[in-house]
Amino acid sequence: MRASTVERKTLETDIFVALNIDGTGQAEISTGIGFFDHMLTLMAFHGKFDLTIRCQGDLEVDTHHTVEDIGLALGQAFLESLNDKKGIRRYANAFIPMDESLARVVLDISNRPYLIYKADLKKDYLGQMDTQNFEEFLRAFVMAAKLTLHVEVLYGNNDHHKIEAVFKALGRVLSEASDITGDRISSSKGVL
C-alpha cells in the first residue's frame, strides 16, 4: 500500500497526518475547525483515501496557521505516499455539482507546483473557517505535494455548497491521477 505518516511541530501547530492513498475512504479528522474537518472528511471519502489528521493549533490567534500547516503536512504525506510515481495516471479532472453550485478541479501530478484558484465566495467565514484560508490550504498542499492544480467554482449561490463541491472534486482527482495504470513514468522526459 502507498502510505505515509508525517508529523509537523512548530511554535504555532502540532500536526499528525497518516495517509493511505490505497484506502477505502475512512477518515479521522480533528483540526479544531469544524467546517475544515467536514471538508477534509469529504475529500478522503470521495478520494477513497484513509486519512487521519490531528492538529493542535493556535486557534486563539485565528485559523490561518492551522489550515496552512495542515496543507503542508498533507501535501508532504501525499508526495511521500506516491513513492517514485511509476505507473500513475498523472492527470485527472472532475466537475462536481453540489445543488446549485458547480466546481471544476483539474490536476497534474507534475513535480511542478502551481495553483490557480478561482472561487467567488460571499461570506468571510463558514463556521469558524476564514474563507480566505481555503486558498491558503490549497497553495500549501500544492507546494508540498508538488502538484499543478486548477480549481474553479463555475457558479453557485451558497458558499458552503461551492467549497464542498471543490473538496469532493479534489478527492476525486487526487484518487484518479494517482491510480496505477502501467509500469512507466507518465512523462516523455522519463521523470516527473
C-alpha atoms as a PDB file:
ATOM      1  CA  MET A   1       0.000   0.000   0.000  1.00  0.00           C
ATOM      2  CA  ARG A   2       1.087   3.556  -0.718  1.00  0.00           C
ATOM      3  CA  ALA A   3       1.034   5.235   2.668  1.00  0.00           C
ATOM      4  CA  SER A   4       2.901   7.807   4.711  1.00  0.00           C
ATOM      5  CA  THR A   5       2.948   9.368   8.150  1.00  0.00           C
ATOM      6  CA  VAL A   6       4.037  12.972   8.705  1.00  0.00           C
ATOM      7  CA  GLU A   7       4.486  14.905  11.926  1.00  0.00           C
ATOM      8  CA  ARG A   8       4.953  18.657  11.850  1.00  0.00           C
ATOM      9  CA  LYS A   9       5.643  20.650  15.003  1.00  0.00           C
ATOM     10  CA  THR A  10       6.152  24.400  15.078  1.00  0.00           C
ATOM     11  CA  LEU A  11       5.588  27.085  17.684  1.00  0.00           C
ATOM     12  CA  GLU A  12       2.133  27.534  16.116  1.00  0.00           C
ATOM     13  CA  THR A  13       0.939  23.980  15.369  1.00  0.00           C
ATOM     14  CA  ASP A  14       1.449  20.333  16.320  1.00  0.00           C
ATOM     15  CA  ILE A  15       0.192  18.112  13.491  1.00  0.00           C
ATOM     16  CA  PHE A  16      -0.001  14.382  12.837  1.00  0.00           C
ATOM     17  CA  VAL A  17      -1.069  13.111   9.390  1.00  0.00           C
ATOM     18  CA  ALA A  18      -1.429   9.489   8.303  1.00  0.00           C
ATOM     19  CA  LEU A  19      -2.433   8.932   4.674  1.00  0.00           C
ATOM     20  CA  ASN A  20      -3.080   5.728   2.768  1.00  0.00           C
ATOM     21  CA  ILE A  21      -3.766   6.507  -0.885  1.00  0.00           C
ATOM     22  CA  ASP A  22      -4.971   2.936  -1.473  1.00  0.00           C
ATOM     23  CA  GLY A  23      -7.534   3.027   1.313  1.00  0.00           C
ATOM     24  CA  THR A  24     -11.316   2.901   1.456  1.00  0.00           C
ATOM     25  CA  GLY A  25     -12.257   6.463   2.401  1.00  0.00           C
ATOM     26  CA  GLN A  26     -12.052   6.185   6.184  1.00  0.00           C
ATOM     27  CA  ALA A  27     -11.255   9.491   7.883  1.00  0.00           C
ATOM     28  CA  GLU A  28     -10.477  10.590  11.417  1.00  0.00           C
ATOM     29  CA  ILE A  29     -10.060  14.360  11.300  1.00  0.00           C
ATOM     30  CA  SER A  30      -9.591  16.695  14.264  1.00  0.00           C
ATOM     31  CA  THR A  31      -8.256  20.151  13.381  1.00  0.00           C
ATOM     32  CA  GLY A  32     -10.206  22.234  15.889  1.00  0.00           C
ATOM     33  CA  ILE A  33     -12.074  23.830  12.953  1.00  0.00           C
ATOM     34  CA  GLY A  34     -15.379  22.031  12.425  1.00  0.00           C
ATOM     35  CA  PHE A  35     -16.036  23.133   8.851  1.00  0.00           C
ATOM     36  CA  PHE A  36     -12.483  22.235   7.800  1.00  0.00           C
ATOM     37  CA  ASP A  37     -12.870  18.793   9.431  1.00  0.00           C
ATOM     38  CA  HIS A  38     -16.024  18.291   7.368  1.00  0.00           C
ATOM     39  CA  MET A  39     -14.302  19.254   4.097  1.00  0.00           C
ATOM     40  CA  LEU A  40     -11.249  17.037   4.721  1.00  0.00           C
ATOM     41  CA  THR A  41     -13.542  14.125   5.603  1.00  0.00           C
ATOM     42  CA  LEU A  42     -15.418  14.595   2.309  1.00  0.00           C
ATOM     43  CA  MET A  43     -12.136  14.783   0.387  1.00  0.00           C
ATOM     44  CA  ALA A  44     -10.947  11.495   1.919  1.00  0.00           C
ATOM     45  CA  PHE A  45     -14.299   9.776   1.301  1.00  0.00           C
ATOM     46  CA  HIS A  46     -14.532  10.805  -2.351  1.00  0.00           C
ATOM     47  CA  GLY A  47     -10.836  10.089  -2.934  1.00  0.00           C
ATOM     48  CA  LYS A  48     -11.127   6.708  -1.180  1.00  0.00           C
ATOM     49  CA  PHE A  49      -8.119   7.639   0.980  1.00  0.00           C
ATOM     50  CA  ASP A  50      -7.678   6.564   4.548  1.00  0.00           C
ATOM     51  CA  LEU A  51      -6.766   9.784   6.299  1.00  0.00           C
ATOM     52  CA  THR A  52      -6.034  10.693   9.894  1.00  0.00           C
ATOM     53  CA  ILE A  53      -5.286  14.298  10.799  1.00  0.00           C
ATOM     54  CA  ARG A  54      -4.821  15.553  14.336  1.00  0.00           C
ATOM     55  CA  CYS A  55      -3.831  19.145  14.964  1.00  0.00           C
ATOM     56  CA  GLN A  56      -3.375  21.373  17.966  1.00  0.00           C
ATOM     57  CA  GLY A  57      -3.018  24.888  16.599  1.00  0.00           C
ATOM     58  CA  ASP A  58      -3.031  28.465  17.833  1.00  0.00           C
ATOM     59  CA  LEU A  59      -6.714  28.952  17.060  1.00  0.00           C
ATOM     60  CA  GLU A  60      -6.845  31.707  19.656  1.00  0.00           C
ATOM     61  CA  VAL A  61      -4.946  33.767  17.038  1.00  0.00           C
ATOM     62  CA  ASP A  62      -7.020  32.630  14.035  1.00  0.00           C
ATOM     63  CA  THR A  63      -7.318  29.633  11.704  1.00  0.00           C
ATOM     64  CA  HIS A  64      -4.543  30.581   9.277  1.00  0.00           C
ATOM     65  CA  HIS A  65      -1.558  28.725  10.802  1.00  0.00           C
ATOM     66  CA  THR A  66      -3.569  25.564  11.413  1.00  0.00           C
ATOM     67  CA  VAL A  67      -5.012  25.460   7.898  1.00  0.00           C
ATOM     68  CA  GLU A  68      -1.750  26.282   6.099  1.00  0.00           C
ATOM     69  CA  ASP A  69       0.361  23.863   8.150  1.00  0.00           C
ATOM     70  CA  ILE A  70      -2.142  21.045   7.612  1.00  0.00           C
ATOM     71  CA  GLY A  71      -1.850  21.756   3.881  1.00  0.00           C
ATOM     72  CA  LEU A  72       1.939  21.447   4.119  1.00  0.00           C
ATOM     73  CA  ALA A  73       1.825  18.231   6.164  1.00  0.00           C
ATOM     74  CA  LEU A  74      -0.858  16.619   4.000  1.00  0.00           C
ATOM     75  CA  GLY A  75       0.997  17.606   0.835  1.00  0.00           C
ATOM     76  CA  GLN A  76       4.195  16.057   2.167  1.00  0.00           C
ATOM     77  CA  ALA A  77       2.308  12.864   3.058  1.00  0.00           C
ATOM     78  CA  PHE A  78       0.773  12.698  -0.423  1.00  0.00           C
ATOM     79  CA  LEU A  79       4.167  13.205  -2.089  1.00  0.00           C
ATOM     80  CA  GLU A  80       5.800  10.534   0.068  1.00  0.00           C
ATOM     81  CA  SER A  81       2.921   8.085  -0.479  1.00  0.00           C
ATOM     82  CA  LEU A  82       3.296   8.307  -4.255  1.00  0.00           C
ATOM     83  CA  ASN A  83       6.831   6.919  -3.937  1.00  0.00           C
ATOM     84  CA  ASP A  84       8.539   7.120  -7.354  1.00  0.00           C
ATOM     85  CA  LYS A  85       5.245   7.852  -9.193  1.00  0.00           C
ATOM     86  CA  LYS A  86       5.919   4.931 -11.526  1.00  0.00           C
ATOM     87  CA  GLY A  87       2.817   3.937 -13.466  1.00  0.00           C
ATOM     88  CA  ILE A  88       0.467   6.625 -12.134  1.00  0.00           C
ATOM     89  CA  ARG A  89      -2.161   8.091 -14.431  1.00  0.00           C
ATOM     90  CA  ARG A  90      -0.795  11.581 -13.589  1.00  0.00           C
ATOM     91  CA  TYR A  91      -3.662  13.740 -14.942  1.00  0.00           C
ATOM     92  CA  ALA A  92      -7.265  13.970 -13.799  1.00  0.00           C
ATOM     93  CA  ASN A  93     -10.197  16.344 -13.838  1.00  0.00           C
ATOM     94  CA  ALA A  94     -13.628  16.430 -12.265  1.00  0.00           C
ATOM     95  CA  PHE A  95     -16.749  18.525 -12.471  1.00  0.00           C
ATOM     96  CA  ILE A  96     -18.704  18.151  -9.243  1.00  0.00           C
ATOM     97  CA  PRO A  97     -22.128  19.692  -8.621  1.00  0.00           C
ATOM     98  CA  MET A  98     -23.431  20.471  -5.158  1.00  0.00           C
ATOM     99  CA  ASP A  99     -27.015  21.566  -5.581  1.00  0.00           C
ATOM    100  CA  GLU A 100     -26.855  24.931  -7.438  1.00  0.00           C
ATOM    101  CA  SER A 101     -23.041  25.099  -7.405  1.00  0.00           C
ATOM    102  CA  LEU A 102     -20.570  23.564  -9.846  1.00  0.00           C
ATOM    103  CA  ALA A 103     -16.825  23.188  -9.330  1.00  0.00           C
ATOM    104  CA  ARG A 104     -14.153  22.150 -11.805  1.00  0.00           C
ATOM    105  CA  VAL A 105     -10.852  20.775 -10.493  1.00  0.00           C
ATOM    106  CA  VAL A 106      -8.002  19.764 -12.809  1.00  0.00           C
ATOM    107  CA  LEU A 107      -4.780  18.123 -11.613  1.00  0.00           C
ATOM    108  CA  ASP A 108      -1.340  17.213 -12.916  1.00  0.00           C
ATOM    109  CA  ILE A 109       0.994  15.280 -10.623  1.00  0.00           C
ATOM    110  CA  SER A 110       3.824  17.091 -12.313  1.00  0.00           C
ATOM    111  CA  ASN A 111       6.556  17.843  -9.761  1.00  0.00           C
ATOM    112  CA  ARG A 112       5.890  21.488 -10.747  1.00  0.00           C
ATOM    113  CA  PRO A 113       3.816  23.163  -8.034  1.00  0.00           C
ATOM    114  CA  TYR A 114       1.330  25.703  -9.305  1.00  0.00           C
ATOM    115  CA  LEU A 115      -2.143  26.750  -8.148  1.00  0.00           C
ATOM    116  CA  ILE A 116      -4.907  28.547  -9.965  1.00  0.00           C
ATOM    117  CA  TYR A 117      -7.801  29.239  -7.607  1.00  0.00           C
ATOM    118  CA  LYS A 118     -10.998  30.991  -8.659  1.00  0.00           C
ATOM    119  CA  ALA A 119     -13.842  30.908  -6.181  1.00  0.00           C
ATOM    120  CA  ASP A 120     -16.034  33.931  -5.643  1.00  0.00           C
ATOM    121  CA  LEU A 121     -17.108  33.462  -2.032  1.00  0.00           C
ATOM    122  CA  LYS A 122     -19.530  35.943  -0.489  1.00  0.00           C
ATOM    123  CA  LYS A 123     -19.035  35.161   3.194  1.00  0.00           C
ATOM    124  CA  ASP A 124     -15.977  35.871   5.309  1.00  0.00           C
ATOM    125  CA  TYR A 125     -16.461  32.719   7.402  1.00  0.00           C
ATOM    126  CA  LEU A 126     -18.008  29.292   7.072  1.00  0.00           C
ATOM    127  CA  GLY A 127     -18.455  28.175  10.656  1.00  0.00           C
ATOM    128  CA  GLN A 128     -15.142  29.175  12.272  1.00  0.00           C
ATOM    129  CA  MET A 129     -13.240  28.837   8.983  1.00  0.00           C
ATOM    130  CA  ASP A 130     -11.986  32.058   7.409  1.00  0.00           C
ATOM    131  CA  THR A 131     -12.869  31.612   3.735  1.00  0.00           C
ATOM    132  CA  GLN A 132      -9.560  33.195   2.635  1.00  0.00           C
ATOM    133  CA  ASN A 133      -7.836  30.162   4.117  1.00  0.00           C
ATOM    134  CA  PHE A 134      -9.219  27.690   1.582  1.00  0.00           C
ATOM    135  CA  GLU A 135      -6.814  29.130  -0.965  1.00  0.00           C
ATOM    136  CA  GLU A 136      -4.011  29.086   1.628  1.00  0.00           C
ATOM    137  CA  PHE A 137      -4.663  25.396   2.326  1.00  0.00           C
ATOM    138  CA  LEU A 138      -4.645  24.531  -1.366  1.00  0.00           C
ATOM    139  CA  ARG A 139      -1.485  26.553  -2.039  1.00  0.00           C
ATOM    140  CA  ALA A 140       0.393  24.901   0.844  1.00  0.00           C
ATOM    141  CA  PHE A 141      -0.823  21.443  -0.224  1.00  0.00           C
ATOM    142  CA  VAL A 142       0.189  22.033  -3.858  1.00  0.00           C
ATOM    143  CA  MET A 143       3.646  23.318  -2.920  1.00  0.00           C
ATOM    144  CA  ALA A 144       4.409  20.408  -0.593  1.00  0.00           C
ATOM    145  CA  ALA A 145       2.927  17.726  -2.878  1.00  0.00           C
ATOM    146  CA  LYS A 146       4.484  19.305  -5.994  1.00  0.00           C
ATOM    147  CA  LEU A 147       1.232  19.352  -7.978  1.00  0.00           C
ATOM    148  CA  THR A 148      -0.277  21.615 -10.595  1.00  0.00           C
ATOM    149  CA  LEU A 149      -3.865  22.262  -9.526  1.00  0.00           C
ATOM    150  CA  HIS A 150      -6.565  24.377 -11.157  1.00  0.00           C
ATOM    151  CA  VAL A 151      -9.662  24.993  -9.033  1.00  0.00           C
ATOM    152  CA  GLU A 152     -12.620  26.966 -10.286  1.00  0.00           C
ATOM    153  CA  VAL A 153     -16.121  27.381  -8.941  1.00  0.00           C
ATOM    154  CA  LEU A 154     -18.016  27.930 -12.162  1.00  0.00           C
ATOM    155  CA  TYR A 155     -21.188  29.163 -10.488  1.00  0.00           C
ATOM    156  CA  GLY A 156     -23.338  28.894  -7.401  1.00  0.00           C
ATOM    157  CA  ASN A 157     -25.020  30.916  -4.678  1.00  0.00           C
ATOM    158  CA  ASN A 158     -24.280  29.089  -1.439  1.00  0.00           C
ATOM    159  CA  ASP A 159     -20.643  29.291  -0.271  1.00  0.00           C
ATOM    160  CA  HIS A 160     -20.937  26.027   1.681  1.00  0.00           C
ATOM    161  CA  HIS A 161     -22.034  24.251  -1.488  1.00  0.00           C
ATOM    162  CA  LYS A 162     -19.258  25.866  -3.546  1.00  0.00           C
ATOM    163  CA  ILE A 163     -16.470  24.767  -1.208  1.00  0.00           C
ATOM    164  CA  GLU A 164     -17.998  21.338  -0.663  1.00  0.00           C
ATOM    165  CA  ALA A 165     -18.018  20.776  -4.428  1.00  0.00           C
ATOM    166  CA  VAL A 166     -14.330  21.795  -4.545  1.00  0.00           C
ATOM    167  CA  PHE A 167     -13.252  19.363  -1.826  1.00  0.00           C
ATOM    168  CA  LYS A 168     -15.246  16.475  -3.282  1.00  0.00           C
ATOM    169  CA  ALA A 169     -13.704  17.167  -6.689  1.00  0.00           C
ATOM    170  CA  LEU A 170     -10.246  17.413  -5.132  1.00  0.00           C
ATOM    171  CA  GLY A 171     -10.645  13.963  -3.614  1.00  0.00           C
ATOM    172  CA  ARG A 172     -11.767  12.534  -6.940  1.00  0.00           C
ATOM    173  CA  VAL A 173      -8.883  13.988  -8.965  1.00  0.00           C
ATOM    174  CA  LEU A 174      -6.243  13.014  -6.404  1.00  0.00           C
ATOM    175  CA  SER A 175      -7.539   9.447  -6.481  1.00  0.00           C
ATOM    176  CA  GLU A 176      -7.811   9.204 -10.255  1.00  0.00           C
ATOM    177  CA  ALA A 177      -4.448  10.833 -11.006  1.00  0.00           C
ATOM    178  CA  SER A 178      -2.656   8.571  -8.522  1.00  0.00           C
ATOM    179  CA  ASP A 179      -4.199   5.360  -9.951  1.00  0.00           C
ATOM    180  CA  ILE A 180      -1.583   2.954 -11.244  1.00  0.00           C
ATOM    181  CA  THR A 181      -2.290   2.307 -14.923  1.00  0.00           C
ATOM    182  CA  GLY A 182       1.048   0.982 -16.170  1.00  0.00           C
ATOM    183  CA  ASP A 183       4.658   0.412 -15.293  1.00  0.00           C
ATOM    184  CA  ARG A 184       6.317   3.550 -16.696  1.00  0.00           C
ATOM    185  CA  ILE A 185       6.670   7.140 -15.576  1.00  0.00           C
ATOM    186  CA  SER A 186       3.937   9.147 -17.311  1.00  0.00           C
ATOM    187  CA  SER A 187       6.275  11.658 -18.934  1.00  0.00           C
ATOM    188  CA  SER A 188       8.052  11.859 -22.286  1.00  0.00           C
ATOM    189  CA  LYS A 189      11.083  13.058 -20.281  1.00  0.00           C
ATOM    190  CA  GLY A 190      11.165   9.799 -18.320  1.00  0.00           C
ATOM    191  CA  VAL A 191      10.885  11.622 -14.974  1.00  0.00           C
ATOM    192  CA  LEU A 192       8.351  13.714 -13.132  1.00  0.00           C
END
